[in-house]
Protein backbone atom coordinates (compact mmCIF):
# COMPACT_ATOMS: atom_id res chain seq x y z
CA UNK A 1 171.85 135.46 74.91
CA UNK A 2 171.58 131.96 76.34
CA UNK A 3 172.12 129.18 73.73
CA UNK A 4 169.11 127.24 75.05
CA UNK A 5 166.93 130.30 74.60
CA UNK A 6 168.17 130.73 71.03
CA UNK A 7 167.43 127.09 70.24
CA UNK A 8 163.97 127.36 71.80
CA UNK A 9 163.15 130.51 69.85
CA UNK A 10 164.38 128.91 66.64
CA UNK A 11 162.16 125.87 67.18
CA UNK A 12 159.17 128.08 68.08
CA UNK A 13 159.56 130.25 64.98
CA UNK A 14 160.09 127.21 62.75
CA UNK A 15 156.93 125.59 64.10
CA UNK A 16 154.98 128.82 63.62
CA UNK A 17 156.30 129.06 60.07
CA UNK A 18 155.24 125.50 59.28
CA UNK A 19 151.75 126.19 60.64
CA UNK A 20 151.46 129.37 58.54
CA UNK A 21 152.54 127.51 55.41
CA UNK A 22 150.00 124.75 56.10
CA UNK A 23 147.19 127.29 56.58
CA UNK A 24 148.11 129.11 53.37
CA UNK A 25 148.28 125.83 51.48
CA UNK A 26 144.84 124.80 52.80
CA UNK A 27 143.31 128.14 51.74
CA UNK A 28 144.96 127.84 48.34
CA UNK A 29 143.62 124.30 47.89
CA UNK A 30 140.07 125.33 48.86
CA UNK A 31 140.05 127.72 45.93
CA UNK A 32 140.73 124.71 43.69
CA UNK A 33 144.21 125.64 42.60
CA UNK A 34 145.99 122.82 40.83
CA UNK A 35 149.30 124.09 42.16
CA UNK A 36 148.11 123.71 45.75
CA UNK A 37 146.90 120.18 45.13
CA UNK A 38 150.19 119.29 43.47
CA UNK A 39 152.14 120.87 46.35
CA UNK A 40 150.06 118.90 48.87
CA UNK A 41 150.73 115.68 46.99
CA UNK A 42 154.46 116.38 46.95
CA UNK A 43 154.48 117.27 50.65
CA UNK A 44 152.62 114.06 51.51
CA UNK A 45 155.66 112.11 50.33
CA UNK A 46 157.45 113.23 53.49
CA UNK A 47 154.57 112.37 55.84
CA UNK A 48 155.09 109.29 58.01
CA UNK A 49 153.22 106.18 56.93
CA UNK A 50 151.21 104.82 59.89
CA UNK A 51 150.81 101.38 58.30
CA UNK A 52 154.57 101.03 57.85
CA UNK A 53 155.18 102.00 61.48
CA UNK A 54 152.47 99.57 62.61
CA UNK A 55 154.05 96.73 60.62
CA UNK A 56 157.48 97.44 62.11
CA UNK A 57 155.99 97.41 65.62
CA UNK A 58 154.20 94.09 64.98
CA UNK A 59 157.38 92.53 63.60
CA UNK A 60 159.37 93.66 66.65
CA UNK A 61 156.72 92.23 68.99
CA UNK A 62 156.73 88.90 67.14
CA UNK A 63 160.54 88.79 67.25
CA UNK A 64 160.46 89.51 71.00
CA UNK A 65 157.88 86.75 71.59
CA UNK A 66 159.96 84.29 69.57
CA UNK A 67 163.06 85.23 71.56
CA UNK A 68 161.18 84.71 74.85
CA UNK A 69 159.89 81.32 73.66
CA UNK A 70 163.42 80.30 72.68
CA UNK A 71 164.70 81.28 76.12
CA UNK A 72 161.91 79.36 77.84
CA UNK A 73 162.71 76.28 75.76
CA UNK A 74 166.36 76.42 76.74
CA UNK A 75 165.45 76.76 80.43
CA UNK A 76 163.14 73.72 80.39
CA UNK A 77 165.42 71.19 78.72
CA UNK A 78 169.06 72.28 78.61
CA UNK A 79 170.23 68.90 77.25
CA UNK A 80 168.00 69.11 74.19
CA UNK A 81 170.07 71.97 72.76
CA UNK A 82 173.42 70.34 73.46
CA UNK A 83 173.96 67.24 71.30
């Protein structure tokens, strides 16, 4: 069997397994089970934080703008940097 096919099937089955687990957890939580709520809280630890990613992106953009401004300043007055 082709290695790419094996990898694709593995990814497909893993994704299907994750979806099944999420559906079962949602059904379990709807019944009000404390275990399901606790499991959901523990699983949320591994979820990506959109605010953290947004802050990283904003910091990178600000750093890039500062770098561009520094380059523009050097291009305008090259003697000002060399003393």
